[in-house]
All heavy atoms as atom14 arrays in JSON, in Angstrom:
{
  "sequence": "PGLLKVDAEWSGTPAPSEVTVNIYAGNDSVTSVSSTPSA",
  "atom14_mask": [
    [1, 1, 1, 1, 1, 1, 1, 0, 0, 0, 0, 0, 0, 0],
    [1, 1, 1, 1, 0, 0, 0, 0, 0, 0, 0, 0, 0, 0],
    [1, 1, 1, 1, 1, 1, 1, 1, 0, 0, 0, 0, 0, 0],
    [1, 1, 1, 1, 1, 1, 1, 1, 0, 0, 0, 0, 0, 0],
    [1, 1, 1, 1, 1, 1, 1, 1, 1, 0, 0, 0, 0, 0],
    [1, 1, 1, 1, 1, 1, 1, 0, 0, 0, 0, 0, 0, 0],
    [1, 1, 1, 1, 1, 1, 1, 1, 0, 0, 0, 0, 0, 0],
    [1, 1, 1, 1, 1, 0, 0, 0, 0, 0, 0, 0, 0, 0],
    [1, 1, 1, 1, 1, 1, 1, 1, 1, 0, 0, 0, 0, 0],
    [1, 1, 1, 1, 1, 1, 1, 1, 1, 1, 1, 1, 1, 1],
    [1, 1, 1, 1, 1, 1, 0, 0, 0, 0, 0, 0, 0, 0],
    [1, 1, 1, 1, 0, 0, 0, 0, 0, 0, 0, 0, 0, 0],
    [1, 1, 1, 1, 1, 1, 1, 0, 0, 0, 0, 0, 0, 0],
    [1, 1, 1, 1, 1, 1, 1, 0, 0, 0, 0, 0, 0, 0],
    [1, 1, 1, 1, 1, 0, 0, 0, 0, 0, 0, 0, 0, 0],
    [1, 1, 1, 1, 1, 1, 1, 0, 0, 0, 0, 0, 0, 0],
    [1, 1, 1, 1, 1, 1, 0, 0, 0, 0, 0, 0, 0, 0],
    [1, 1, 1, 1, 1, 1, 1, 1, 1, 0, 0, 0, 0, 0],
    [1, 1, 1, 1, 1, 1, 1, 0, 0, 0, 0, 0, 0, 0],
    [1, 1, 1, 1, 1, 1, 1, 0, 0, 0, 0, 0, 0, 0],
    [1, 1, 1, 1, 1, 1, 1, 0, 0, 0, 0, 0, 0, 0],
    [1, 1, 1, 1, 1, 1, 1, 1, 0, 0, 0, 0, 0, 0],
    [1, 1, 1, 1, 1, 1, 1, 1, 0, 0, 0, 0, 0, 0],
    [1, 1, 1, 1, 1, 1, 1, 1, 1, 1, 1, 1, 0, 0],
    [1, 1, 1, 1, 1, 0, 0, 0, 0, 0, 0, 0, 0, 0],
    [1, 1, 1, 1, 0, 0, 0, 0, 0, 0, 0, 0, 0, 0],
    [1, 1, 1, 1, 1, 1, 1, 1, 0, 0, 0, 0, 0, 0],
    [1, 1, 1, 1, 1, 1, 1, 1, 0, 0, 0, 0, 0, 0],
    [1, 1, 1, 1, 1, 1, 0, 0, 0, 0, 0, 0, 0, 0],
    [1, 1, 1, 1, 1, 1, 1, 0, 0, 0, 0, 0, 0, 0],
    [1, 1, 1, 1, 1, 1, 1, 0, 0, 0, 0, 0, 0, 0],
    [1, 1, 1, 1, 1, 1, 0, 0, 0, 0, 0, 0, 0, 0],
    [1, 1, 1, 1, 1, 1, 1, 0, 0, 0, 0, 0, 0, 0],
    [1, 1, 1, 1, 1, 1, 0, 0, 0, 0, 0, 0, 0, 0],
    [1, 1, 1, 1, 1, 1, 0, 0, 0, 0, 0, 0, 0, 0],
    [1, 1, 1, 1, 1, 1, 1, 0, 0, 0, 0, 0, 0, 0],
    [1, 1, 1, 1, 1, 1, 1, 0, 0, 0, 0, 0, 0, 0],
    [1, 1, 1, 1, 1, 1, 0, 0, 0, 0, 0, 0, 0, 0],
    [1, 1, 1, 1, 1, 0, 0, 0, 0, 0, 0, 0, 0, 0]
  ],
  "atom14_positions": [
    [[0.83, -1.2, 0.0], [0.0, 0.0, 0.0], [0.87, 1.26, 0.0], [1.84, 1.35, 0.75], [-0.81, -0.13, 1.29], [0.04, -0.99, 2.18], [0.8, -1.91, 1.28], [0.0, 0.0, 0.0], [0.0, 0.0, 0.0], [0.0, 0.0, 0.0], [0.0, 0.0, 0.0], [0.0, 0.0, 0.0], [0.0, 0.0, 0.0], [0.0, 0.0, 0.0]],
    [[0.52, 2.21, -0.84], [1.3, 3.44, -0.92], [0.56, 4.66, -0.41], [1.02, 5.35, 0.49], [0.0, 0.0, 0.0], [0.0, 0.0, 0.0], [0.0, 0.0, 0.0], [0.0, 0.0, 0.0], [0.0, 0.0, 0.0], [0.0, 0.0, 0.0], [0.0, 0.0, 0.0], [0.0, 0.0, 0.0], [0.0, 0.0, 0.0], [0.0, 0.0, 0.0]],
    [[-0.62, 4.93, -0.98], [-1.41, 6.11, -0.62], [-2.83, 5.7, -0.26], [-3.4, 4.78, -0.86], [-1.47, 7.09, -1.8], [-0.17, 7.8, -2.2], [-0.36, 8.5, -3.53], [0.26, 8.79, -1.13], [0.0, 0.0, 0.0], [0.0, 0.0, 0.0], [0.0, 0.0, 0.0], [0.0, 0.0, 0.0], [0.0, 0.0, 0.0], [0.0, 0.0, 0.0]],
    [[-3.39, 6.39, 0.72], [-4.8, 6.27, 1.04], [-5.51, 7.47, 0.41], [-5.09, 8.61, 0.61], [-5.02, 6.28, 2.55], [-4.35, 5.14, 3.34], [-4.47, 5.41, 4.84], [-4.95, 3.81, 2.99], [0.0, 0.0, 0.0], [0.0, 0.0, 0.0], [0.0, 0.0, 0.0], [0.0, 0.0, 0.0], [0.0, 0.0, 0.0], [0.0, 0.0, 0.0]],
    [[-6.55, 7.21, -0.35], [-7.25, 8.28, -1.07], [-8.74, 8.23, -0.71], [-9.34, 7.16, -0.68], [-7.07, 8.1, -2.58], [-7.7, 9.18, -3.44], [-7.38, 8.93, -4.91], [-7.93, 10.03, -5.8], [-9.41, 10.04, -5.82], [0.0, 0.0, 0.0], [0.0, 0.0, 0.0], [0.0, 0.0, 0.0], [0.0, 0.0, 0.0], [0.0, 0.0, 0.0]],
    [[-9.32, 9.4, -0.44], [-10.74, 9.46, -0.13], [-11.44, 10.49, -1.0], [-10.87, 11.52, -1.36], [-11.0, 9.8, 1.36], [-10.41, 8.75, 2.28], [-10.5, 11.18, 1.72], [0.0, 0.0, 0.0], [0.0, 0.0, 0.0], [0.0, 0.0, 0.0], [0.0, 0.0, 0.0], [0.0, 0.0, 0.0], [0.0, 0.0, 0.0], [0.0, 0.0, 0.0]],
    [[-12.66, 10.18, -1.35], [-13.57, 11.12, -2.01], [-14.87, 11.07, -1.23], [-15.57, 10.04, -1.26], [-13.78, 10.73, -3.48], [-12.51, 10.86, -4.31], [-12.08, 11.99, -4.53], [-11.96, 9.82, -4.69], [0.0, 0.0, 0.0], [0.0, 0.0, 0.0], [0.0, 0.0, 0.0], [0.0, 0.0, 0.0], [0.0, 0.0, 0.0], [0.0, 0.0, 0.0]],
    [[-15.18, 12.14, -0.52], [-16.35, 12.16, 0.36], [-17.48, 12.99, -0.23], [-17.26, 13.99, -0.91], [-15.95, 12.72, 1.73], [0.0, 0.0, 0.0], [0.0, 0.0, 0.0], [0.0, 0.0, 0.0], [0.0, 0.0, 0.0], [0.0, 0.0, 0.0], [0.0, 0.0, 0.0], [0.0, 0.0, 0.0], [0.0, 0.0, 0.0], [0.0, 0.0, 0.0]],
    [[-18.7, 12.56, 0.05], [-19.9, 13.28, -0.36], [-20.68, 13.66, 0.9], [-20.86, 12.83, 1.8], [-20.77, 12.42, -1.27], [-20.08, 12.02, -2.57], [-20.93, 11.1, -3.42], [-22.05, 10.76, -2.97], [-20.48, 10.74, -4.52], [0.0, 0.0, 0.0], [0.0, 0.0, 0.0], [0.0, 0.0, 0.0], [0.0, 0.0, 0.0], [0.0, 0.0, 0.0]],
    [[-21.11, 14.92, 0.95], [-21.74, 15.44, 2.16], [-23.13, 15.98, 1.89], [-23.45, 16.44, 0.8], [-20.9, 16.58, 2.75], [-19.54, 16.18, 3.22], [-18.39, 16.15, 2.49], [-19.19, 15.74, 4.54], [-17.34, 15.72, 3.27], [-17.8, 15.47, 4.54], [-19.91, 15.55, 5.72], [-17.14, 15.02, 5.67], [-19.25, 15.12, 6.86], [-17.88, 14.84, 6.82]],
    [[-23.93, 15.97, 2.95], [-25.19, 16.7, 2.98], [-25.04, 17.74, 4.08], [-24.72, 17.4, 5.23], [-26.36, 15.77, 3.3], [-27.56, 16.51, 3.46], [0.0, 0.0, 0.0], [0.0, 0.0, 0.0], [0.0, 0.0, 0.0], [0.0, 0.0, 0.0], [0.0, 0.0, 0.0], [0.0, 0.0, 0.0], [0.0, 0.0, 0.0], [0.0, 0.0, 0.0]],
    [[-25.23, 19.02, 3.73], [-24.97, 20.08, 4.68], [-23.51, 20.51, 4.6], [-22.78, 20.13, 3.69], [0.0, 0.0, 0.0], [0.0, 0.0, 0.0], [0.0, 0.0, 0.0], [0.0, 0.0, 0.0], [0.0, 0.0, 0.0], [0.0, 0.0, 0.0], [0.0, 0.0, 0.0], [0.0, 0.0, 0.0], [0.0, 0.0, 0.0], [0.0, 0.0, 0.0]],
    [[-23.07, 21.29, 5.56], [-21.69, 21.77, 5.58], [-20.74, 20.62, 5.9], [-20.93, 19.93, 6.91], [-21.52, 22.87, 6.64], [-22.43, 23.94, 6.37], [-20.09, 23.4, 6.62], [0.0, 0.0, 0.0], [0.0, 0.0, 0.0], [0.0, 0.0, 0.0], [0.0, 0.0, 0.0], [0.0, 0.0, 0.0], [0.0, 0.0, 0.0], [0.0, 0.0, 0.0]],
    [[-19.74, 20.36, 5.06], [-18.8, 19.27, 5.34], [-18.14, 19.43, 6.71], [-17.79, 20.54, 7.11], [-17.77, 19.39, 4.22], [-18.52, 20.04, 3.1], [-19.46, 21.01, 3.77], [0.0, 0.0, 0.0], [0.0, 0.0, 0.0], [0.0, 0.0, 0.0], [0.0, 0.0, 0.0], [0.0, 0.0, 0.0], [0.0, 0.0, 0.0], [0.0, 0.0, 0.0]],
    [[-18.0, 18.32, 7.42], [-17.36, 18.33, 8.74], [-16.3, 17.24, 8.81], [-16.4, 16.32, 9.62], [-18.42, 18.14, 9.82], [0.0, 0.0, 0.0], [0.0, 0.0, 0.0], [0.0, 0.0, 0.0], [0.0, 0.0, 0.0], [0.0, 0.0, 0.0], [0.0, 0.0, 0.0], [0.0, 0.0, 0.0], [0.0, 0.0, 0.0], [0.0, 0.0, 0.0]],
    [[-15.27, 17.32, 7.95], [-14.28, 16.25, 7.89], [-13.5, 16.05, 9.18], [-13.06, 14.94, 9.48], [-13.35, 16.69, 6.75], [-13.52, 18.17, 6.66], [-14.95, 18.42, 7.01], [0.0, 0.0, 0.0], [0.0, 0.0, 0.0], [0.0, 0.0, 0.0], [0.0, 0.0, 0.0], [0.0, 0.0, 0.0], [0.0, 0.0, 0.0], [0.0, 0.0, 0.0]],
    [[-13.34, 17.11, 9.98], [-12.59, 16.98, 11.22], [-13.36, 16.21, 12.29], [-12.8, 15.83, 13.32], [-12.19, 18.36, 11.76], [-13.33, 19.13, 12.05], [0.0, 0.0, 0.0], [0.0, 0.0, 0.0], [0.0, 0.0, 0.0], [0.0, 0.0, 0.0], [0.0, 0.0, 0.0], [0.0, 0.0, 0.0], [0.0, 0.0, 0.0], [0.0, 0.0, 0.0]],
    [[-14.65, 15.98, 12.05], [-15.49, 15.27, 13.02], [-15.68, 13.8, 12.68], [-16.42, 13.1, 13.37], [-16.86, 15.95, 13.13], [-16.82, 17.36, 13.68], [-16.27, 17.41, 15.1], [-16.47, 16.42, 15.84], [-15.62, 18.42, 15.45], [0.0, 0.0, 0.0], [0.0, 0.0, 0.0], [0.0, 0.0, 0.0], [0.0, 0.0, 0.0], [0.0, 0.0, 0.0]],
    [[-15.01, 13.33, 11.63], [-15.11, 11.91, 11.26], [-13.75, 11.26, 11.49], [-12.78, 11.55, 10.79], [-15.55, 11.73, 9.79], [-15.62, 10.24, 9.45], [-16.91, 12.38, 9.56], [0.0, 0.0, 0.0], [0.0, 0.0, 0.0], [0.0, 0.0, 0.0], [0.0, 0.0, 0.0], [0.0, 0.0, 0.0], [0.0, 0.0, 0.0], [0.0, 0.0, 0.0]],
    [[-13.68, 10.39, 12.48], [-12.44, 9.69, 12.8], [-12.26, 8.5, 11.87], [-13.22, 7.78, 11.56], [-12.45, 9.2, 14.26], [-12.57, 10.33, 15.12], [-11.16, 8.45, 14.61], [0.0, 0.0, 0.0], [0.0, 0.0, 0.0], [0.0, 0.0, 0.0], [0.0, 0.0, 0.0], [0.0, 0.0, 0.0], [0.0, 0.0, 0.0], [0.0, 0.0, 0.0]],
    [[-11.02, 8.3, 11.42], [-10.68, 7.2, 10.51], [-9.63, 6.32, 11.19], [-8.55, 6.8, 11.55], [-10.13, 7.71, 9.17], [-9.77, 6.55, 8.26], [-11.13, 8.64, 8.5], [0.0, 0.0, 0.0], [0.0, 0.0, 0.0], [0.0, 0.0, 0.0], [0.0, 0.0, 0.0], [0.0, 0.0, 0.0], [0.0, 0.0, 0.0], [0.0, 0.0, 0.0]],
    [[-9.96, 5.05, 11.38], [-9.01, 4.08, 11.94], [-8.74, 2.99, 10.91], [-9.67, 2.44, 10.32], [-9.57, 3.44, 13.22], [-9.77, 4.45, 14.34], [-8.9, 5.27, 14.59], [-10.92, 4.4, 15.0], [0.0, 0.0, 0.0], [0.0, 0.0, 0.0], [0.0, 0.0, 0.0], [0.0, 0.0, 0.0], [0.0, 0.0, 0.0], [0.0, 0.0, 0.0]],
    [[-7.46, 2.7, 10.68], [-7.06, 1.67, 9.71], [-6.69, 0.4, 10.47], [-5.94, 0.44, 11.45], [-5.84, 2.14, 8.88], [-6.09, 3.55, 8.31], [-5.55, 1.15, 7.76], [-7.24, 3.65, 7.37], [0.0, 0.0, 0.0], [0.0, 0.0, 0.0], [0.0, 0.0, 0.0], [0.0, 0.0, 0.0], [0.0, 0.0, 0.0], [0.0, 0.0, 0.0]],
    [[-7.21, -0.72, 10.01], [-6.93, -2.01, 10.63], [-6.48, -3.02, 9.57], [-6.73, -2.85, 8.37], [-8.18, -2.57, 11.32], [-8.63, -1.81, 12.54], [-9.5, -0.73, 12.43], [-8.18, -2.18, 13.81], [-9.92, -0.03, 13.56], [-8.6, -1.47, 14.94], [-9.47, -0.41, 14.81], [-9.88, 0.29, 15.92], [0.0, 0.0, 0.0], [0.0, 0.0, 0.0]],
    [[-5.84, -4.08, 10.04], [-5.5, -5.22, 9.2], [-6.03, -6.48, 9.88], [-6.06, -6.56, 11.12], [-4.0, -5.33, 8.98], [0.0, 0.0, 0.0], [0.0, 0.0, 0.0], [0.0, 0.0, 0.0], [0.0, 0.0, 0.0], [0.0, 0.0, 0.0], [0.0, 0.0, 0.0], [0.0, 0.0, 0.0], [0.0, 0.0, 0.0], [0.0, 0.0, 0.0]],
    [[-6.44, -7.45, 9.07], [-6.96, -8.69, 9.65], [-7.1, -9.76, 8.6], [-6.87, -9.53, 7.4], [0.0, 0.0, 0.0], [0.0, 0.0, 0.0], [0.0, 0.0, 0.0], [0.0, 0.0, 0.0], [0.0, 0.0, 0.0], [0.0, 0.0, 0.0], [0.0, 0.0, 0.0], [0.0, 0.0, 0.0], [0.0, 0.0, 0.0], [0.0, 0.0, 0.0]],
    [[-7.51, -10.95, 9.02], [-7.68, -12.08, 8.11], [-8.92, -11.9, 7.23], [-9.9, -11.26, 7.64], [-7.8, -13.39, 8.9], [-6.51, -13.76, 9.59], [-5.43, -13.41, 9.14], [-6.61, -14.47, 10.7], [0.0, 0.0, 0.0], [0.0, 0.0, 0.0], [0.0, 0.0, 0.0], [0.0, 0.0, 0.0], [0.0, 0.0, 0.0], [0.0, 0.0, 0.0]],
    [[-8.89, -12.51, 6.06], [-10.04, -12.4, 5.16], [-11.23, -13.22, 5.65], [-12.31, -13.16, 5.07], [-9.65, -12.8, 3.74], [-9.17, -14.24, 3.64], [-9.13, -14.94, 4.67], [-8.83, -14.67, 2.52], [0.0, 0.0, 0.0], [0.0, 0.0, 0.0], [0.0, 0.0, 0.0], [0.0, 0.0, 0.0], [0.0, 0.0, 0.0], [0.0, 0.0, 0.0]],
    [[-11.05, -13.99, 6.73], [-12.15, -14.76, 7.29], [-13.12, -13.88, 8.08], [-14.24, -14.3, 8.4], [-11.61, -15.87, 8.2], [-10.82, -15.33, 9.25], [0.0, 0.0, 0.0], [0.0, 0.0, 0.0], [0.0, 0.0, 0.0], [0.0, 0.0, 0.0], [0.0, 0.0, 0.0], [0.0, 0.0, 0.0], [0.0, 0.0, 0.0], [0.0, 0.0, 0.0]],
    [[-12.68, -12.65, 8.41], [-13.55, -11.71, 9.13], [-14.53, -11.09, 8.14], [-14.13, -10.34, 7.26], [-12.72, -10.62, 9.83], [-13.64, -9.63, 10.54], [-11.74, -11.23, 10.81], [0.0, 0.0, 0.0], [0.0, 0.0, 0.0], [0.0, 0.0, 0.0], [0.0, 0.0, 0.0], [0.0, 0.0, 0.0], [0.0, 0.0, 0.0], [0.0, 0.0, 0.0]],
    [[-15.79, -11.39, 8.29], [-16.8, -10.89, 7.34], [-17.92, -10.12, 8.03], [-18.78, -9.55, 7.36], [-17.42, -12.04, 6.55], [-17.97, -13.01, 7.46], [-16.35, -12.72, 5.67], [0.0, 0.0, 0.0], [0.0, 0.0, 0.0], [0.0, 0.0, 0.0], [0.0, 0.0, 0.0], [0.0, 0.0, 0.0], [0.0, 0.0, 0.0], [0.0, 0.0, 0.0]],
    [[-17.93, -10.09, 9.37], [-18.94, -9.33, 10.1], [-18.41, -9.01, 11.5], [-17.84, -9.88, 12.16], [-20.24, -10.13, 10.22], [-21.23, -9.4, 10.93], [0.0, 0.0, 0.0], [0.0, 0.0, 0.0], [0.0, 0.0, 0.0], [0.0, 0.0, 0.0], [0.0, 0.0, 0.0], [0.0, 0.0, 0.0], [0.0, 0.0, 0.0], [0.0, 0.0, 0.0]],
    [[-18.58, -7.74, 11.9], [-18.13, -7.29, 13.21], [-19.25, -6.49, 13.86], [-19.73, -5.52, 13.29], [-16.86, -6.41, 13.12], [-16.46, -5.89, 14.48], [-15.72, -7.19, 12.48], [0.0, 0.0, 0.0], [0.0, 0.0, 0.0], [0.0, 0.0, 0.0], [0.0, 0.0, 0.0], [0.0, 0.0, 0.0], [0.0, 0.0, 0.0], [0.0, 0.0, 0.0]],
    [[-19.67, -6.93, 15.05], [-20.74, -6.24, 15.75], [-20.28, -5.61, 17.05], [-21.0, -4.78, 17.62], [-21.89, -7.21, 16.03], [-21.44, -8.31, 16.82], [0.0, 0.0, 0.0], [0.0, 0.0, 0.0], [0.0, 0.0, 0.0], [0.0, 0.0, 0.0], [0.0, 0.0, 0.0], [0.0, 0.0, 0.0], [0.0, 0.0, 0.0], [0.0, 0.0, 0.0]],
    [[-19.1, -6.0, 17.54], [-18.61, -5.45, 18.8], [-17.52, -4.42, 18.53], [-17.79, -3.28, 18.21], [-18.11, -6.57, 19.71], [-17.12, -7.36, 19.04], [0.0, 0.0, 0.0], [0.0, 0.0, 0.0], [0.0, 0.0, 0.0], [0.0, 0.0, 0.0], [0.0, 0.0, 0.0], [0.0, 0.0, 0.0], [0.0, 0.0, 0.0], [0.0, 0.0, 0.0]],
    [[-16.26, -4.83, 18.65], [-15.13, -3.94, 18.38], [-14.17, -4.62, 17.41], [-14.13, -5.86, 17.34], [-14.37, -3.59, 19.67], [-13.79, -4.79, 20.21], [-15.3, -2.95, 20.69], [0.0, 0.0, 0.0], [0.0, 0.0, 0.0], [0.0, 0.0, 0.0], [0.0, 0.0, 0.0], [0.0, 0.0, 0.0], [0.0, 0.0, 0.0], [0.0, 0.0, 0.0]],
    [[-13.37, -3.85, 16.66], [-12.4, -4.46, 15.75], [-11.42, -5.38, 16.47], [-11.1, -6.46, 15.98], [-11.69, -3.25, 15.14], [-12.71, -2.16, 15.2], [-13.43, -2.39, 16.49], [0.0, 0.0, 0.0], [0.0, 0.0, 0.0], [0.0, 0.0, 0.0], [0.0, 0.0, 0.0], [0.0, 0.0, 0.0], [0.0, 0.0, 0.0], [0.0, 0.0, 0.0]],
    [[-10.93, -4.97, 17.64], [-9.96, -5.79, 18.35], [-10.57, -7.12, 18.79], [-9.9, -8.16, 18.79], [-9.41, -5.03, 19.56], [-10.45, -4.66, 20.44], [0.0, 0.0, 0.0], [0.0, 0.0, 0.0], [0.0, 0.0, 0.0], [0.0, 0.0, 0.0], [0.0, 0.0, 0.0], [0.0, 0.0, 0.0], [0.0, 0.0, 0.0], [0.0, 0.0, 0.0]],
    [[-11.84, -7.11, 19.17], [-12.51, -8.34, 19.57], [-12.65, -9.3, 18.39], [-12.72, -10.52, 18.58], [-13.89, -8.03, 20.15], [0.0, 0.0, 0.0], [0.0, 0.0, 0.0], [0.0, 0.0, 0.0], [0.0, 0.0, 0.0], [0.0, 0.0, 0.0], [0.0, 0.0, 0.0], [0.0, 0.0, 0.0], [0.0, 0.0, 0.0], [0.0, 0.0, 0.0]]
  ]
}
């Protein structure tokens, strides 16, 4: 991976500083998460 790129669409005044982004890595067997990523 080299660059992370985002294109966001907003309704109302954009508030990019209020959206937290967390990057994770994991096995491809993970297909549904209802609790926390670490769990």
